[in-house]
N, C-alpha and C. Protein backbone atom coordinates (compact mmCIF):
# COMPACT_ATOMS: atom_id res chain seq x y z
N UNK A 1 95.35 99.15 80.24
CA UNK A 1 94.07 99.07 80.91
C UNK A 1 93.71 100.42 81.54
N UNK A 2 94.71 101.06 82.12
CA UNK A 2 94.43 102.37 82.73
C UNK A 2 94.05 103.41 81.68
N UNK A 3 94.74 103.39 80.56
CA UNK A 3 94.41 104.33 79.49
C UNK A 3 93.00 104.09 78.98
N UNK A 4 92.65 102.83 78.82
CA UNK A 4 91.30 102.48 78.37
C UNK A 4 90.27 102.94 79.39
N UNK A 5 90.58 102.82 80.68
CA UNK A 5 89.68 103.30 81.72
C UNK A 5 89.45 104.81 81.63
N UNK A 6 90.53 105.57 81.39
CA UNK A 6 90.38 107.02 81.24
C UNK A 6 89.56 107.37 80.01
N UNK A 7 89.76 106.63 78.92
CA UNK A 7 88.98 106.89 77.70
C UNK A 7 87.50 106.63 77.96
N UNK A 8 87.19 105.51 78.61
CA UNK A 8 85.79 105.21 78.92
C UNK A 8 85.19 106.25 79.87
N UNK A 9 85.99 106.71 80.81
CA UNK A 9 85.50 107.73 81.75
C UNK A 9 85.16 109.02 81.01
N UNK A 10 86.02 109.44 80.11
CA UNK A 10 85.74 110.66 79.35
C UNK A 10 84.49 110.50 78.50
N UNK A 11 84.36 109.34 77.86
CA UNK A 11 83.16 109.08 77.04
C UNK A 11 81.91 109.08 77.91
N UNK A 12 81.96 108.40 79.06
CA UNK A 12 80.81 108.36 79.96
C UNK A 12 80.44 109.75 80.48
N UNK A 13 81.45 110.53 80.85
CA UNK A 13 81.18 111.86 81.40
C UNK A 13 80.59 112.77 80.33
N UNK A 14 81.15 112.74 79.13
CA UNK A 14 80.59 113.58 78.05
C UNK A 14 79.18 113.15 77.66
N UNK A 15 78.96 111.85 77.58
CA UNK A 15 77.61 111.36 77.25
C UNK A 15 76.62 111.73 78.36
N UNK A 16 77.06 111.64 79.60
CA UNK A 16 76.18 112.01 80.72
C UNK A 16 75.85 113.49 80.68
N UNK A 17 76.82 114.30 80.30
CA UNK A 17 76.61 115.75 80.23
C UNK A 17 75.63 116.09 79.11
N UNK A 18 75.78 115.42 77.97
CA UNK A 18 74.89 115.68 76.83
C UNK A 18 73.48 115.15 77.11
N UNK A 19 73.38 113.96 77.66
CA UNK A 19 72.08 113.33 77.86
C UNK A 19 71.36 113.88 79.08
N UNK A 20 72.08 114.08 80.16
CA UNK A 20 71.42 114.46 81.42
C UNK A 20 71.76 115.90 81.81
N UNK A 21 72.68 116.04 82.74
CA UNK A 21 73.01 117.37 83.25
C UNK A 21 74.48 117.40 83.68
N UNK A 22 74.94 118.61 84.00
CA UNK A 22 76.32 118.75 84.44
C UNK A 22 76.54 118.10 85.80
N UNK A 23 75.57 118.15 86.71
CA UNK A 23 75.75 117.53 88.03
C UNK A 23 75.86 116.01 87.91
N UNK A 24 75.09 115.42 87.00
CA UNK A 24 75.19 113.98 86.78
C UNK A 24 76.55 113.64 86.17
N UNK A 25 77.01 114.44 85.20
CA UNK A 25 78.31 114.20 84.58
C UNK A 25 79.44 114.38 85.60
N UNK A 26 79.31 115.37 86.49
CA UNK A 26 80.32 115.58 87.53
C UNK A 26 80.36 114.37 88.46
N UNK A 27 79.21 113.80 88.76
CA UNK A 27 79.15 112.62 89.62
C UNK A 27 79.82 111.43 88.95
N UNK A 28 79.58 111.26 87.65
CA UNK A 28 80.24 110.19 86.90
C UNK A 28 81.74 110.39 86.91
N UNK A 29 82.17 111.62 86.70
CA UNK A 29 83.60 111.94 86.69
C UNK A 29 84.24 111.68 88.05
N UNK A 30 83.57 112.08 89.12
CA UNK A 30 84.11 111.86 90.47
C UNK A 30 84.23 110.37 90.77
N UNK A 31 83.19 109.60 90.46
CA UNK A 31 83.23 108.16 90.69
C UNK A 31 84.31 107.48 89.86
N UNK A 32 84.46 107.92 88.62
CA UNK A 32 85.48 107.34 87.75
C UNK A 32 86.89 107.63 88.23
N UNK A 33 87.11 108.85 88.69
CA UNK A 33 88.45 109.21 89.20
C UNK A 33 88.77 108.37 90.44
N UNK A 34 87.81 108.18 91.31
CA UNK A 34 88.02 107.35 92.49
C UNK A 34 88.33 105.91 92.07
N UNK A 35 87.56 105.39 91.13
CA UNK A 35 87.73 104.00 90.69
C UNK A 35 89.07 103.78 90.01
N UNK A 36 89.44 104.64 89.09
CA UNK A 36 90.69 104.47 88.36
C UNK A 36 91.89 104.68 89.27
N UNK A 37 91.81 105.63 90.17
CA UNK A 37 92.90 105.85 91.12
C UNK A 37 93.09 104.64 92.02
N UNK A 38 92.00 104.08 92.51
CA UNK A 38 92.08 102.90 93.35
C UNK A 38 92.67 101.72 92.58
N UNK A 39 92.27 101.56 91.32
CA UNK A 39 92.80 100.48 90.49
C UNK A 39 94.30 100.65 90.26
N UNK A 40 94.71 101.88 90.02
CA UNK A 40 96.13 102.14 89.78
C UNK A 40 96.97 101.84 91.03
N UNK A 41 96.50 102.30 92.18
CA UNK A 41 97.23 102.04 93.43
C UNK A 41 97.26 100.55 93.73
N UNK A 42 96.14 99.87 93.49
CA UNK A 42 96.08 98.42 93.71
C UNK A 42 97.04 97.69 92.78
N UNK A 43 97.09 98.10 91.54
CA UNK A 43 98.01 97.48 90.57
C UNK A 43 99.46 97.67 91.01
N UNK A 44 99.80 98.87 91.44
CA UNK A 44 101.16 99.14 91.90
C UNK A 44 101.50 98.29 93.13
N UNK A 45 100.56 98.19 94.08
CA UNK A 45 100.81 97.40 95.29
C UNK A 45 101.01 95.93 94.97
N UNK A 46 100.22 95.40 94.05
CA UNK A 46 100.37 93.99 93.68
C UNK A 46 101.70 93.75 92.98
N UNK A 47 102.11 94.69 92.12
CA UNK A 47 103.40 94.54 91.45
C UNK A 47 104.56 94.57 92.45
N UNK A 48 104.48 95.46 93.42
CA UNK A 48 105.51 95.52 94.47
C UNK A 48 105.49 94.22 95.28
N UNK A 49 104.32 93.70 95.56
CA UNK A 49 104.20 92.45 96.31
C UNK A 49 104.89 91.31 95.57
N UNK A 50 104.64 91.19 94.27
CA UNK A 50 105.26 90.12 93.51
C UNK A 50 106.77 90.31 93.36
N UNK A 51 107.21 91.55 93.32
CA UNK A 51 108.65 91.81 93.22
C UNK A 51 109.38 91.44 94.52
N UNK A 52 108.71 91.51 95.64
CA UNK A 52 109.37 91.22 96.92
C UNK A 52 109.23 89.77 97.35
N UNK A 53 108.50 88.97 96.61
CA UNK A 53 108.40 87.55 96.98
C UNK A 53 109.76 86.88 96.80
N UNK A 54 110.08 85.96 97.68
CA UNK A 54 111.37 85.26 97.54
C UNK A 54 111.36 84.37 96.30
N UNK A 55 112.49 84.37 95.59
CA UNK A 55 112.59 83.57 94.38
C UNK A 55 112.85 82.10 94.68
N UNK A 56 113.53 81.87 95.75
CA UNK A 56 113.83 80.49 96.13
C UNK A 56 113.08 80.15 97.40
N UNK A 57 112.77 78.89 97.56
CA UNK A 57 111.99 78.48 98.72
C UNK A 57 112.81 78.53 100.00
N UNK A 58 114.14 78.52 99.87
CA UNK A 58 114.98 78.58 101.07
C UNK A 58 115.02 79.98 101.67
N UNK A 59 114.64 80.98 100.88
CA UNK A 59 114.66 82.34 101.41
C UNK A 59 113.60 82.50 102.49
N UNK A 60 113.65 83.59 103.13
CA UNK A 60 112.85 83.84 104.31
C UNK A 60 111.34 83.80 104.02
N UNK A 61 110.67 82.86 104.66
CA UNK A 61 109.21 82.80 104.56
C UNK A 61 108.58 83.91 105.39
N UNK A 62 109.34 84.36 106.39
CA UNK A 62 108.87 85.46 107.24
C UNK A 62 108.72 86.75 106.44
N UNK A 63 109.65 86.99 105.52
CA UNK A 63 109.58 88.19 104.68
C UNK A 63 108.34 88.16 103.79
N UNK A 64 108.04 87.00 103.22
CA UNK A 64 106.86 86.86 102.37
C UNK A 64 105.58 87.06 103.19
N UNK A 65 105.58 86.54 104.40
CA UNK A 65 104.41 86.69 105.26
C UNK A 65 104.19 88.15 105.65
N UNK A 66 105.29 88.86 105.94
CA UNK A 66 105.20 90.27 106.30
C UNK A 66 104.71 91.09 105.11
N UNK A 67 105.20 90.78 103.92
CA UNK A 67 104.78 91.49 102.71
C UNK A 67 103.30 91.24 102.43
N UNK A 68 102.85 90.01 102.65
CA UNK A 68 101.44 89.67 102.44
C UNK A 68 100.55 90.44 103.42
N UNK A 69 100.97 90.53 104.67
CA UNK A 69 100.21 91.28 105.66
C UNK A 69 100.13 92.76 105.29
N UNK A 70 101.24 93.31 104.77
CA UNK A 70 101.26 94.71 104.34
C UNK A 70 100.31 94.96 103.18
N UNK A 71 100.26 94.02 102.24
CA UNK A 71 99.35 94.16 101.10
C UNK A 71 97.89 94.13 101.56
N UNK A 72 97.58 93.23 102.46
CA UNK A 72 96.21 93.14 102.97
C UNK A 72 95.85 94.39 103.76
N UNK A 73 96.77 94.89 104.57
CA UNK A 73 96.52 96.11 105.34
C UNK A 73 96.30 97.30 104.41
N UNK A 74 97.13 97.43 103.36
CA UNK A 74 96.94 98.52 102.40
C UNK A 74 95.59 98.41 101.69
N UNK A 75 95.17 97.18 101.37
CA UNK A 75 93.87 96.99 100.74
C UNK A 75 92.75 97.52 101.62
N UNK A 76 92.76 97.13 102.89
CA UNK A 76 91.68 97.55 103.78
C UNK A 76 91.74 99.05 104.07
N UNK A 77 92.93 99.61 104.17
CA UNK A 77 93.05 101.06 104.35
C UNK A 77 92.51 101.81 103.14
N UNK A 78 92.83 101.32 101.93
CA UNK A 78 92.32 101.95 100.71
C UNK A 78 90.79 101.81 100.64
N UNK A 79 90.28 100.66 101.01
CA UNK A 79 88.84 100.42 101.03
C UNK A 79 88.14 101.39 102.00
N UNK A 80 88.72 101.57 103.18
CA UNK A 80 88.17 102.49 104.18
C UNK A 80 88.24 103.93 103.70
N UNK A 81 89.36 104.30 103.07
CA UNK A 81 89.52 105.66 102.55
C UNK A 81 88.50 105.95 101.44
N UNK A 82 88.28 104.99 100.56
CA UNK A 82 87.27 105.17 99.51
C UNK A 82 85.90 105.34 100.13
N UNK A 83 85.60 104.58 101.16
CA UNK A 83 84.33 104.73 101.86
C UNK A 83 84.16 106.11 102.46
N UNK A 84 85.23 106.63 103.07
CA UNK A 84 85.16 107.98 103.64
C UNK A 84 84.96 109.04 102.56
N UNK A 85 85.67 108.89 101.44
CA UNK A 85 85.52 109.86 100.35
C UNK A 85 84.10 109.81 99.78
N UNK A 86 83.58 108.61 99.57
CA UNK A 86 82.21 108.49 99.06
C UNK A 86 81.20 109.04 100.05
N UNK A 87 81.40 108.77 101.34
CA UNK A 87 80.52 109.32 102.36
C UNK A 87 80.54 110.84 102.33
N UNK A 88 81.74 111.41 102.25
CA UNK A 88 81.85 112.86 102.19
C UNK A 88 81.20 113.45 100.96
N UNK A 89 81.38 112.80 99.82
CA UNK A 89 80.76 113.29 98.59
C UNK A 89 79.23 113.25 98.67
N UNK A 90 78.71 112.16 99.19
CA UNK A 90 77.26 112.01 99.25
C UNK A 90 76.65 112.94 100.30
N UNK A 91 77.32 113.05 101.47
CA UNK A 91 76.75 113.83 102.56
C UNK A 91 76.92 115.33 102.36
N UNK A 92 78.11 115.77 101.93
CA UNK A 92 78.40 117.20 101.92
C UNK A 92 78.43 117.82 100.52
N UNK A 93 78.13 117.07 99.51
CA UNK A 93 78.15 117.59 98.15
C UNK A 93 76.85 117.20 97.46
N UNK A 94 76.60 117.82 96.35
CA UNK A 94 75.35 117.52 95.63
C UNK A 94 75.64 116.57 94.47
N UNK A 95 76.16 115.39 94.79
CA UNK A 95 76.42 114.41 93.75
C UNK A 95 75.19 113.56 93.51
N UNK A 96 75.05 113.11 92.30
CA UNK A 96 73.99 112.18 91.95
C UNK A 96 74.51 110.78 92.23
N UNK A 97 73.83 110.03 93.06
CA UNK A 97 74.31 108.72 93.49
C UNK A 97 74.38 107.76 92.30
N UNK A 98 73.42 107.82 91.40
CA UNK A 98 73.45 106.93 90.23
C UNK A 98 74.62 107.28 89.31
N UNK A 99 74.92 108.55 89.17
CA UNK A 99 76.09 108.95 88.39
C UNK A 99 77.38 108.50 89.05
N UNK A 100 77.42 108.57 90.37
CA UNK A 100 78.59 108.12 91.12
C UNK A 100 78.81 106.62 90.92
N UNK A 101 77.73 105.86 90.96
CA UNK A 101 77.82 104.41 90.74
C UNK A 101 78.28 104.12 89.31
N UNK A 102 77.76 104.86 88.35
CA UNK A 102 78.19 104.67 86.96
C UNK A 102 79.67 104.98 86.81
N UNK A 103 80.14 106.02 87.45
CA UNK A 103 81.56 106.35 87.40
C UNK A 103 82.42 105.32 88.09
N UNK A 104 81.95 104.79 89.20
CA UNK A 104 82.70 103.76 89.92
C UNK A 104 82.80 102.47 89.10
N UNK A 105 81.94 102.30 88.12
CA UNK A 105 81.95 101.11 87.27
C UNK A 105 82.89 101.25 86.08
N UNK A 106 83.62 102.33 85.98
CA UNK A 106 84.48 102.57 84.83
C UNK A 106 85.52 101.47 84.64
N UNK A 107 86.18 101.07 85.70
CA UNK A 107 87.20 100.02 85.60
C UNK A 107 86.55 98.69 85.21
N UNK A 108 85.36 98.43 85.72
CA UNK A 108 84.65 97.21 85.36
C UNK A 108 84.35 97.20 83.86
N UNK A 109 83.91 98.35 83.33
CA UNK A 109 83.66 98.45 81.88
C UNK A 109 84.95 98.21 81.10
N UNK A 110 86.04 98.81 81.53
CA UNK A 110 87.31 98.66 80.82
C UNK A 110 87.77 97.21 80.79
N UNK A 111 87.67 96.53 81.92
CA UNK A 111 88.08 95.13 81.98
C UNK A 111 87.16 94.26 81.13
N UNK A 112 85.85 94.50 81.21
CA UNK A 112 84.89 93.70 80.44
C UNK A 112 85.08 93.89 78.95
N UNK A 113 85.19 95.14 78.50
CA UNK A 113 85.35 95.39 77.07
C UNK A 113 86.70 94.87 76.56
N UNK A 114 87.72 94.94 77.38
CA UNK A 114 89.02 94.39 76.97
C UNK A 114 88.94 92.87 76.82
N UNK A 115 88.30 92.22 77.77
CA UNK A 115 88.16 90.76 77.70
C UNK A 115 87.33 90.34 76.50
N UNK A 116 86.25 91.05 76.23
CA UNK A 116 85.42 90.74 75.06
C UNK A 116 86.22 90.95 73.78
N UNK A 117 87.02 92.00 73.73
CA UNK A 117 87.86 92.25 72.56
C UNK A 117 88.88 91.15 72.33
N UNK A 118 89.49 90.67 73.39
CA UNK A 118 90.47 89.59 73.27
C UNK A 118 89.80 88.32 72.78
N UNK A 119 88.66 87.99 73.35
CA UNK A 119 87.93 86.78 72.93
C UNK A 119 87.48 86.92 71.48
N UNK A 120 87.02 88.08 71.10
CA UNK A 120 86.57 88.33 69.72
C UNK A 120 87.72 88.12 68.73
N UNK A 121 88.88 88.71 69.06
CA UNK A 121 90.03 88.56 68.18
C UNK A 121 90.50 87.11 68.12
N UNK A 122 90.41 86.41 69.24
CA UNK A 122 90.86 85.02 69.26
C UNK A 122 89.96 84.13 68.40
N UNK A 123 88.67 84.24 68.56
CA UNK A 123 87.75 83.36 67.86
C UNK A 123 87.49 83.77 66.40
N UNK A 124 87.59 85.03 66.11
CA UNK A 124 87.26 85.48 64.77
C UNK A 124 88.46 85.95 63.96
N UNK A 125 89.66 85.58 64.42
CA UNK A 125 90.83 85.94 63.61
C UNK A 125 90.91 84.95 62.43
N UNK A 126 91.57 85.37 61.38
CA UNK A 126 91.62 84.55 60.17
C UNK A 126 92.85 83.68 60.19
N UNK A 127 92.89 82.76 61.11
CA UNK A 127 94.02 81.82 61.20
C UNK A 127 93.69 80.54 60.51
C-alpha cells in the first residue's frame, strides 16, 4: 500500500507539473509526503499495538489499557503535528492550497484504487 501511495504521488506530482505549474506540483508533493508519512507511522503504531496485546485473557488488562492510551495519545500528537506543519506551509510558504489537498488525498487514492482492483479481480476472474 505504501509503495502504491508513492507511485500515485509521483504520477500526481508529474501530472500537476505538466498541466499546471511547478508551485502546484510542489504543493501536491508536500501534501503527499505528509500524508504517506502519517500513514506509515500510523501503520507502525497499530502493528506495535496489536503485538503488545495480551494473548490470553488472564494476562494483565492494565497493560492493554496502557497500550491503548498510548496509541490514542500518539494519534492526537501526530494529528496536532500535521496541523502545525500544514499551518506553517500555508502561512510561511507559497503553497497552493488545492495542490496541498490533492497531495493529502494520495493515501485515499491508493486505498480506493486498491479496493476497486480487488473487487474487480474477485468479480471478473475466470473461476
